[in-house]
Amino acid sequence: MIKAILTDIEGTVSSISFVKDVLFPYSKEKMANFVRKNQDNPEVQKVLEEVRKIEGENLTDEEVVEVLKRWIDEDRKIAPLKDIQGLIWKEGFETGELKAPLYEDAYRKLKEWKEKYPIYVYSSGSVQAQKLFFSHTNYGNILDWFSGHFDTKIGNKKESESYRKIAKEIGLNPEEILFLSDNPDEIIASTSAKMKAIRIVRPNDAKYIKNFPYKQIKNFDEIVEV
């Protein structure tokens, strides 16, 4: 019997394109001005120092900004970039320039499920970014709908051990947790850990895989397991 729900974000409750087409370009556009006006902020100073350690100690602030913008273009998964993007997005969400778009069916079902089950989030985005996302959606602040958040600090999303660790943290057996994701590798990893899992195939984000051994559906309305 299902006792908790664990959900991914991108491609599952929200479109992948929001990150790629909205958040990334926004952070690139705002980067230079943000660094300039926040150069005394210790968090920003730490980012600049980390970039210099990687790319060269003698880089000016302007050159560091160009490195960060290049890393965005290259889709680099690198800590100082993630940190500065998180700060820029935080400001964007808080000023109302950014709103996180939830799929209507996901919003409706999460609202229904929260009355019956604890809901957890597992995303490659940091816990801080996840909380920012759900605090500023197109439906308002729904952060308190969630009982906990996990990111890659608990482990890689494509490794079954990560899902066993999450089950242990939640305090349930893996088979009592339903995991929702668009990524087939994550579905395989979670089911290897004995979780129940369903692959969400959003029309613009993913495609059905022929002979995929686990359930694939197009939206949350097709979930009958809970």
Protein backbone atom coordinates (compact mmCIF):
# COMPACT_ATOMS: atom_id res chain seq x y z
CA MET A 1 0.00 0.00 0.00
CA ILE A 2 1.27 3.47 -0.90
CA LYS A 3 2.01 5.63 2.14
CA ALA A 4 4.01 8.49 0.58
CA ILE A 5 4.64 10.17 -2.77
CA LEU A 6 8.05 11.21 -4.09
CA THR A 7 8.11 13.46 -7.15
CA ASP A 8 10.62 14.91 -9.56
CA ILE A 9 10.11 18.50 -10.81
CA GLU A 10 11.32 19.09 -14.39
CA GLY A 11 9.24 17.22 -16.96
CA THR A 12 6.97 15.93 -14.20
CA VAL A 13 5.17 18.74 -12.35
CA SER A 14 6.63 21.48 -14.57
CA SER A 15 7.97 21.75 -18.10
CA ILE A 16 11.64 21.06 -18.82
CA SER A 17 11.58 24.11 -21.07
CA PHE A 18 11.05 26.44 -18.08
CA VAL A 19 14.59 25.78 -16.89
CA LYS A 20 16.16 25.70 -20.35
CA ASP A 21 14.20 28.51 -22.00
CA VAL A 22 13.43 30.80 -19.05
CA LEU A 23 15.69 30.29 -16.01
CA PHE A 24 19.01 29.79 -17.82
CA PRO A 25 18.65 32.79 -20.17
CA TYR A 26 17.42 34.91 -17.24
CA SER A 27 20.53 34.13 -15.17
CA LYS A 28 22.79 34.85 -18.14
CA GLU A 29 21.09 38.17 -18.88
CA LYS A 30 21.23 39.31 -15.22
CA MET A 31 24.71 37.93 -14.40
CA ALA A 32 26.89 41.03 -14.98
CA ASN A 33 24.59 43.47 -13.22
CA PHE A 34 23.94 41.07 -10.33
CA VAL A 35 27.67 40.54 -9.68
CA ARG A 36 28.34 44.26 -9.97
CA LYS A 37 25.69 45.34 -7.46
CA ASN A 38 26.39 42.44 -5.05
CA GLN A 39 30.19 42.36 -5.14
CA ASP A 40 30.36 42.92 -1.35
CA ASN A 41 28.04 39.98 -0.67
CA PRO A 42 30.12 37.13 0.90
CA GLU A 43 28.18 34.50 -1.12
CA VAL A 44 29.01 36.30 -4.38
CA GLN A 45 32.64 36.77 -3.33
CA LYS A 46 32.87 33.02 -2.64
CA VAL A 47 31.58 32.26 -6.16
CA LEU A 48 34.12 34.64 -7.74
CA GLU A 49 36.94 33.02 -5.74
CA GLU A 50 35.87 29.50 -6.76
CA VAL A 51 35.74 30.47 -10.45
CA ARG A 52 39.24 31.96 -10.19
CA LYS A 53 40.54 28.72 -8.64
CA ILE A 54 39.25 26.84 -11.69
CA GLU A 55 39.94 29.32 -14.50
CA GLY A 56 42.79 31.53 -13.27
CA GLU A 57 43.62 33.55 -10.16
CA ASN A 58 44.19 36.80 -12.08
CA LEU A 59 40.75 37.07 -13.69
CA THR A 60 38.93 40.37 -13.19
CA ASP A 61 35.30 40.37 -12.02
CA GLU A 62 34.22 41.10 -15.61
CA GLU A 63 36.22 38.11 -16.89
CA VAL A 64 34.72 35.88 -14.19
CA VAL A 65 31.25 36.97 -15.35
CA GLU A 66 32.15 35.97 -18.92
CA VAL A 67 33.30 32.54 -17.67
CA LEU A 68 30.02 32.07 -15.79
CA LYS A 69 28.02 33.03 -18.89
CA ARG A 70 30.06 30.60 -20.99
CA TRP A 71 29.38 27.84 -18.47
CA ILE A 72 25.64 28.53 -18.84
CA ASP A 73 25.95 28.12 -22.63
CA GLU A 74 27.88 24.87 -22.08
CA ASP A 75 25.29 23.64 -19.53
CA ARG A 76 28.06 22.97 -17.02
CA LYS A 77 27.00 21.28 -13.76
CA ILE A 78 29.49 23.12 -11.61
CA ALA A 79 29.03 24.36 -8.03
CA PRO A 80 29.91 28.07 -8.33
CA LEU A 81 27.60 28.44 -11.35
CA LYS A 82 24.73 26.68 -9.57
CA ASP A 83 25.28 28.88 -6.51
CA ILE A 84 25.22 32.20 -8.39
CA GLN A 85 22.25 31.10 -10.52
CA GLY A 86 20.39 30.24 -7.31
CA LEU A 87 21.01 33.74 -5.96
CA ILE A 88 19.90 35.40 -9.21
CA TRP A 89 16.76 33.26 -9.44
CA LYS A 90 15.94 33.96 -5.78
CA GLU A 91 15.94 37.68 -6.51
CA GLY A 92 13.87 37.12 -9.68
CA PHE A 93 11.23 35.07 -7.87
CA GLU A 94 11.07 37.47 -4.93
CA THR A 95 10.60 40.53 -7.17
CA GLY A 96 7.89 38.70 -9.14
CA GLU A 97 9.85 38.71 -12.41
CA LEU A 98 9.85 34.91 -12.32
CA LYS A 99 6.97 32.52 -11.67
CA ALA A 100 7.32 28.73 -11.63
CA PRO A 101 4.73 27.21 -14.01
CA LEU A 102 3.04 24.06 -12.68
CA TYR A 103 1.05 21.79 -14.95
CA GLU A 104 -2.63 22.20 -14.03
CA ASP A 105 -3.16 18.45 -13.52
CA ALA A 106 -0.09 18.25 -11.24
CA TYR A 107 -1.32 21.19 -9.16
CA ARG A 108 -4.79 19.65 -8.81
CA LYS A 109 -3.54 16.18 -7.87
CA LEU A 110 -0.87 17.41 -5.45
CA LYS A 111 -3.57 19.47 -3.73
CA GLU A 112 -5.74 16.36 -3.42
CA TRP A 113 -2.93 14.02 -2.31
CA LYS A 114 -1.53 16.31 0.38
CA GLU A 115 -4.67 15.64 2.43
CA LYS A 116 -3.93 11.89 2.43
CA TYR A 117 -0.17 11.39 2.00
CA PRO A 118 3.12 13.07 2.84
CA ILE A 119 4.63 14.35 -0.43
CA TYR A 120 8.39 14.62 -0.95
CA VAL A 121 10.48 16.13 -3.74
CA TYR A 122 13.62 14.60 -5.29
CA SER A 123 15.28 16.79 -7.90
CA SER A 124 18.75 17.45 -9.27
CA GLY A 125 18.13 21.11 -8.41
CA SER A 126 19.29 22.06 -4.91
CA VAL A 127 16.87 21.90 -1.98
CA GLN A 128 17.11 25.71 -1.80
CA ALA A 129 16.09 25.98 -5.48
CA GLN A 130 13.23 23.51 -4.97
CA LYS A 131 11.83 25.57 -2.08
CA LEU A 132 12.15 28.74 -4.13
CA PHE A 133 10.28 27.06 -7.01
CA PHE A 134 7.32 25.89 -4.93
CA SER A 135 7.12 29.19 -3.02
CA HIS A 136 6.55 31.15 -6.25
CA THR A 137 4.36 29.12 -8.61
CA ASN A 138 1.68 30.35 -10.99
CA TYR A 139 -0.77 29.04 -8.35
CA GLY A 140 0.92 30.86 -5.47
CA ASN A 141 3.00 29.51 -2.59
CA ILE A 142 2.46 25.76 -2.14
CA LEU A 143 5.69 24.99 -0.27
CA ASP A 144 3.84 23.77 2.82
CA TRP A 145 2.26 20.97 0.78
CA PHE A 146 5.57 19.11 0.94
CA SER A 147 6.95 17.12 3.87
CA GLY A 148 10.58 17.14 2.72
CA HIS A 149 13.06 17.75 -0.07
CA PHE A 150 15.99 15.74 -1.46
CA ASP A 151 18.66 16.70 -3.97
CA THR A 152 21.77 14.98 -5.30
CA LYS A 153 23.47 15.31 -1.90
CA ILE A 154 21.62 12.12 -0.99
CA GLY A 155 22.93 10.49 -4.18
CA ASN A 156 22.70 10.30 -7.95
CA LYS A 157 19.13 10.05 -9.24
CA LYS A 158 20.09 7.19 -11.55
CA GLU A 159 21.42 4.97 -8.73
CA SER A 160 19.11 2.70 -6.76
CA GLU A 161 21.00 3.27 -3.49
CA SER A 162 19.78 6.91 -3.50
CA TYR A 163 16.17 5.72 -3.34
CA ARG A 164 16.92 3.30 -0.51
CA LYS A 165 18.49 6.19 1.42
CA ILE A 166 15.42 8.37 0.79
CA ALA A 167 13.08 5.61 2.03
CA LYS A 168 15.19 5.31 5.17
CA GLU A 169 15.10 9.10 5.70
CA ILE A 170 11.32 9.13 5.24
CA GLY A 171 10.96 6.16 7.59
CA LEU A 172 9.08 3.87 5.19
CA ASN A 173 9.81 0.71 3.25
CA PRO A 174 10.66 1.52 -0.40
CA GLU A 175 7.60 -0.41 -1.65
CA GLU A 176 5.36 2.00 0.31
CA ILE A 177 6.58 4.98 -1.75
CA LEU A 178 5.33 6.00 -5.21
CA PHE A 179 7.96 7.81 -7.30
CA LEU A 180 6.97 10.02 -10.25
CA SER A 181 9.50 11.09 -12.89
CA ASP A 182 9.90 11.67 -16.62
CA ASN A 183 13.35 10.06 -16.70
CA PRO A 184 13.42 6.34 -17.61
CA ASP A 185 16.77 5.77 -15.87
CA GLU A 186 15.35 7.17 -12.64
CA ILE A 187 12.28 4.95 -12.94
CA ILE A 188 14.53 1.90 -13.36
CA ALA A 189 16.77 2.92 -10.42
CA SER A 190 13.83 3.54 -8.08
CA THR A 191 12.10 0.27 -8.95
CA SER A 192 15.41 -1.56 -8.44
CA ALA A 193 15.24 -0.15 -4.91
CA LYS A 194 11.72 -1.67 -4.67
CA MET A 195 9.78 1.62 -4.94
CA LYS A 196 6.63 1.80 -7.03
CA ALA A 197 7.29 4.14 -9.96
CA ILE A 198 5.42 5.74 -12.85
CA ARG A 199 7.00 7.53 -15.78
CA ILE A 200 5.30 10.81 -16.76
CA VAL A 201 5.54 11.48 -20.51
CA ARG A 202 4.65 15.13 -21.09
CA PRO A 203 4.01 15.75 -24.82
CA ASN A 204 6.66 18.46 -25.26
CA ASP A 205 9.21 17.00 -22.85
CA ALA A 206 9.51 13.27 -23.51
CA LYS A 207 8.39 10.35 -25.67
CA TYR A 208 6.85 7.00 -24.86
CA ILE A 209 9.41 4.19 -24.90
CA LYS A 210 8.24 1.06 -26.68
CA ASN A 211 8.32 -2.05 -24.47
CA PHE A 212 9.36 -0.02 -21.41
CA PRO A 213 8.78 -2.41 -18.48
CA TYR A 214 7.12 0.16 -16.22
CA LYS A 215 3.93 2.21 -16.43
CA GLN A 216 4.02 5.33 -18.64
CA ILE A 217 1.28 7.98 -18.57
CA LYS A 218 0.80 11.43 -20.04
CA ASN A 219 -0.39 13.32 -16.93
CA PHE A 220 -1.28 13.02 -13.25
CA ASP A 221 -4.97 12.40 -14.00
CA GLU A 222 -4.03 8.89 -15.16
CA ILE A 223 -2.54 7.93 -11.79
CA VAL A 224 -4.90 5.47 -10.11
CA GLU A 225 -2.43 3.98 -7.62
CA VAL A 226 -3.23 6.60 -4.95
